[in-house]
């Protein structure tokens, strides 16, 4: 029974990482700005790095792919006029995402 639990756990971890990348691509069911930002924050988090380590996935490659997709998302948003004149938006086109967890808040392993 333990072997099936481990396989299910690994499949769940892979699905969470896959869903985050899909949200950054904009192909998830509810891909708005908020979901894209949360997905990117998750990919940059220690939790995602730990999941990749458990699954023996190259975390650096996942992070690089997500960053490239996110930059493309921001460029598209700027081209459509959605990112102009937003308070706190740096001029370099890449928003800062705070991935540090607040003290005292437990990590539930979810970016949702």
C-alpha atoms as a PDB file:
ATOM      1  CA  UNK A   1       0.000   0.000   0.000  1.00  0.00           C
ATOM      2  CA  UNK A   2       2.885   2.405   0.756  1.00  0.00           C
ATOM      3  CA  UNK A   3       4.203   2.133  -2.799  1.00  0.00           C
ATOM      4  CA  UNK A   4       0.872   3.338  -4.195  1.00  0.00           C
ATOM      5  CA  UNK A   5       0.807   6.256  -1.764  1.00  0.00           C
ATOM      6  CA  UNK A   6       4.306   7.309  -2.861  1.00  0.00           C
ATOM      7  CA  UNK A   7       3.340   7.111  -6.534  1.00  0.00           C
ATOM      8  CA  UNK A   8       0.219   9.175  -5.888  1.00  0.00           C
ATOM      9  CA  UNK A   9       2.210  11.759  -3.947  1.00  0.00           C
ATOM     10  CA  UNK A  10       4.750  12.048  -6.766  1.00  0.00           C
ATOM     11  CA  UNK A  11       1.948  12.418  -9.335  1.00  0.00           C
ATOM     12  CA  UNK A  12       0.345  15.144  -7.216  1.00  0.00           C
ATOM     13  CA  UNK A  13       3.619  17.077  -6.923  1.00  0.00           C
ATOM     14  CA  UNK A  14       4.169  16.853 -10.672  1.00  0.00           C
ATOM     15  CA  UNK A  15       0.598  18.031 -11.315  1.00  0.00           C
ATOM     16  CA  UNK A  16       1.050  21.079  -9.063  1.00  0.00           C
ATOM     17  CA  UNK A  17       4.235  22.092 -10.894  1.00  0.00           C
ATOM     18  CA  UNK A  18       2.586  21.459 -14.264  1.00  0.00           C
ATOM     19  CA  UNK A  19      -0.454  23.511 -13.305  1.00  0.00           C
ATOM     20  CA  UNK A  20       1.736  26.429 -12.226  1.00  0.00           C
ATOM     21  CA  UNK A  21       3.535  26.422 -15.581  1.00  0.00           C
ATOM     22  CA  UNK A  22       0.178  26.182 -17.406  1.00  0.00           C
ATOM     23  CA  UNK A  23      -1.093  29.191 -15.461  1.00  0.00           C
ATOM     24  CA  UNK A  24       1.993  31.172 -16.468  1.00  0.00           C
ATOM     25  CA  UNK A  25       1.442  30.129 -20.102  1.00  0.00           C
ATOM     26  CA  UNK A  26      -2.112  31.400 -19.789  1.00  0.00           C
ATOM     27  CA  UNK A  27      -3.784  28.098 -20.609  1.00  0.00           C
ATOM     28  CA  UNK A  28      -5.260  27.323 -17.204  1.00  0.00           C
ATOM     29  CA  UNK A  29      -9.019  27.571 -16.661  1.00  0.00           C
ATOM     30  CA  UNK A  30      -8.823  30.909 -14.792  1.00  0.00           C
ATOM     31  CA  UNK A  31      -5.760  32.688 -16.088  1.00  0.00           C
ATOM     32  CA  UNK A  32      -5.983  36.253 -14.935  1.00  0.00           C
ATOM     33  CA  UNK A  33      -3.204  38.486 -13.691  1.00  0.00           C
ATOM     34  CA  UNK A  34      -3.611  37.297 -10.109  1.00  0.00           C
ATOM     35  CA  UNK A  35      -3.271  33.599 -11.000  1.00  0.00           C
ATOM     36  CA  UNK A  36      -0.258  34.253 -13.212  1.00  0.00           C
ATOM     37  CA  UNK A  37       1.494  36.177 -10.424  1.00  0.00           C
ATOM     38  CA  UNK A  38       0.702  33.459  -7.878  1.00  0.00           C
ATOM     39  CA  UNK A  39       1.943  30.735 -10.204  1.00  0.00           C
ATOM     40  CA  UNK A  40       5.216  32.588 -10.783  1.00  0.00           C
ATOM     41  CA  UNK A  41       5.644  33.163  -7.054  1.00  0.00           C
ATOM     42  CA  UNK A  42       5.128  29.439  -6.480  1.00  0.00           C
ATOM     43  CA  UNK A  43       7.711  28.476  -9.117  1.00  0.00           C
ATOM     44  CA  UNK A  44      10.229  30.796  -7.451  1.00  0.00           C
ATOM     45  CA  UNK A  45       9.479  29.395  -3.986  1.00  0.00           C
ATOM     46  CA  UNK A  46      11.411  26.944  -1.841  1.00  0.00           C
ATOM     47  CA  UNK A  47       8.366  24.675  -1.973  1.00  0.00           C
ATOM     48  CA  UNK A  48       8.602  24.250  -5.740  1.00  0.00           C
ATOM     49  CA  UNK A  49      12.329  23.665  -5.445  1.00  0.00           C
ATOM     50  CA  UNK A  50      11.676  20.930  -2.857  1.00  0.00           C
ATOM     51  CA  UNK A  51       9.035  19.332  -5.093  1.00  0.00           C
ATOM     52  CA  UNK A  52      11.488  19.282  -8.007  1.00  0.00           C
ATOM     53  CA  UNK A  53      14.160  17.762  -5.790  1.00  0.00           C
ATOM     54  CA  UNK A  54      11.744  15.010  -4.711  1.00  0.00           C
ATOM     55  CA  UNK A  55      10.789  14.320  -8.331  1.00  0.00           C
ATOM     56  CA  UNK A  56      14.386  14.568  -9.572  1.00  0.00           C
ATOM     57  CA  UNK A  57      13.408  17.409 -11.915  1.00  0.00           C
ATOM     58  CA  UNK A  58      15.928  20.083 -12.868  1.00  0.00           C
ATOM     59  CA  UNK A  59      14.572  23.011 -10.828  1.00  0.00           C
ATOM     60  CA  UNK A  60      16.808  25.528 -12.595  1.00  0.00           C
ATOM     61  CA  UNK A  61      15.260  24.532 -15.932  1.00  0.00           C
ATOM     62  CA  UNK A  62      11.716  24.851 -14.533  1.00  0.00           C
ATOM     63  CA  UNK A  63      12.529  28.269 -13.076  1.00  0.00           C
ATOM     64  CA  UNK A  64      14.136  29.495 -16.325  1.00  0.00           C
ATOM     65  CA  UNK A  65      11.205  28.301 -18.442  1.00  0.00           C
ATOM     66  CA  UNK A  66       8.692  29.923 -16.087  1.00  0.00           C
ATOM     67  CA  UNK A  67      10.645  33.198 -16.082  1.00  0.00           C
ATOM     68  CA  UNK A  68      10.727  33.278 -19.886  1.00  0.00           C
ATOM     69  CA  UNK A  69       6.970  32.607 -20.054  1.00  0.00           C
ATOM     70  CA  UNK A  70       6.292  35.264 -17.434  1.00  0.00           C
ATOM     71  CA  UNK A  71       8.393  37.843 -19.290  1.00  0.00           C
ATOM     72  CA  UNK A  72       6.423  37.039 -22.445  1.00  0.00           C
ATOM     73  CA  UNK A  73       3.183  37.487 -20.482  1.00  0.00           C
ATOM     74  CA  UNK A  74       4.324  40.908 -19.229  1.00  0.00           C
ATOM     75  CA  UNK A  75       5.442  41.996 -22.696  1.00  0.00           C
ATOM     76  CA  UNK A  76       2.081  40.992 -24.141  1.00  0.00           C
ATOM     77  CA  UNK A  77       0.261  42.815 -21.334  1.00  0.00           C
ATOM     78  CA  UNK A  78       2.338  45.947 -21.949  1.00  0.00           C
ATOM     79  CA  UNK A  79       1.741  45.737 -25.708  1.00  0.00           C
ATOM     80  CA  UNK A  80      -2.011  45.546 -25.083  1.00  0.00           C
ATOM     81  CA  UNK A  81      -1.799  48.521 -22.737  1.00  0.00           C
ATOM     82  CA  UNK A  82      -2.693  46.554 -19.611  1.00  0.00           C
ATOM     83  CA  UNK A  83       0.582  47.178 -17.816  1.00  0.00           C
ATOM     84  CA  UNK A  84       0.988  50.903 -18.416  1.00  0.00           C
ATOM     85  CA  UNK A  85       0.878  53.419 -15.599  1.00  0.00           C
ATOM     86  CA  UNK A  86       0.404  50.822 -12.888  1.00  0.00           C
ATOM     87  CA  UNK A  87       1.643  52.026  -9.482  1.00  0.00           C
ATOM     88  CA  UNK A  88       4.736  50.217  -8.285  1.00  0.00           C
ATOM     89  CA  UNK A  89       5.566  48.771 -11.697  1.00  0.00           C
ATOM     90  CA  UNK A  90       9.311  48.945 -12.400  1.00  0.00           C
ATOM     91  CA  UNK A  91      10.329  50.302 -15.779  1.00  0.00           C
ATOM     92  CA  UNK A  92      12.396  47.220 -16.667  1.00  0.00           C
ATOM     93  CA  UNK A  93       9.243  45.213 -17.503  1.00  0.00           C
ATOM     94  CA  UNK A  94       9.759  42.534 -14.858  1.00  0.00           C
ATOM     95  CA  UNK A  95       7.770  42.839 -11.670  1.00  0.00           C
ATOM     96  CA  UNK A  96       9.279  41.937  -8.342  1.00  0.00           C
ATOM     97  CA  UNK A  97       7.487  39.033  -6.702  1.00  0.00           C
ATOM     98  CA  UNK A  98       7.922  38.607  -2.976  1.00  0.00           C
ATOM     99  CA  UNK A  99       8.304  34.880  -2.408  1.00  0.00           C
ATOM    100  CA  UNK A 100       9.292  35.135   1.239  1.00  0.00           C
ATOM    101  CA  UNK A 101       6.768  33.734   3.608  1.00  0.00           C
ATOM    102  CA  UNK A 102       5.433  35.871   6.418  1.00  0.00           C
ATOM    103  CA  UNK A 103       6.737  34.862   9.838  1.00  0.00           C
ATOM    104  CA  UNK A 104       4.329  32.652  11.729  1.00  0.00           C
ATOM    105  CA  UNK A 105       2.393  31.492   8.682  1.00  0.00           C
ATOM    106  CA  UNK A 106       2.822  27.799   7.913  1.00  0.00           C
ATOM    107  CA  UNK A 107       3.417  26.813   4.325  1.00  0.00           C
ATOM    108  CA  UNK A 108       0.610  24.650   3.011  1.00  0.00           C
ATOM    109  CA  UNK A 109       2.469  23.763  -0.193  1.00  0.00           C
ATOM    110  CA  UNK A 110      -0.075  25.457  -2.428  1.00  0.00           C
ATOM    111  CA  UNK A 111       0.173  28.577  -4.527  1.00  0.00           C
ATOM    112  CA  UNK A 112      -3.613  28.924  -4.603  1.00  0.00           C
END
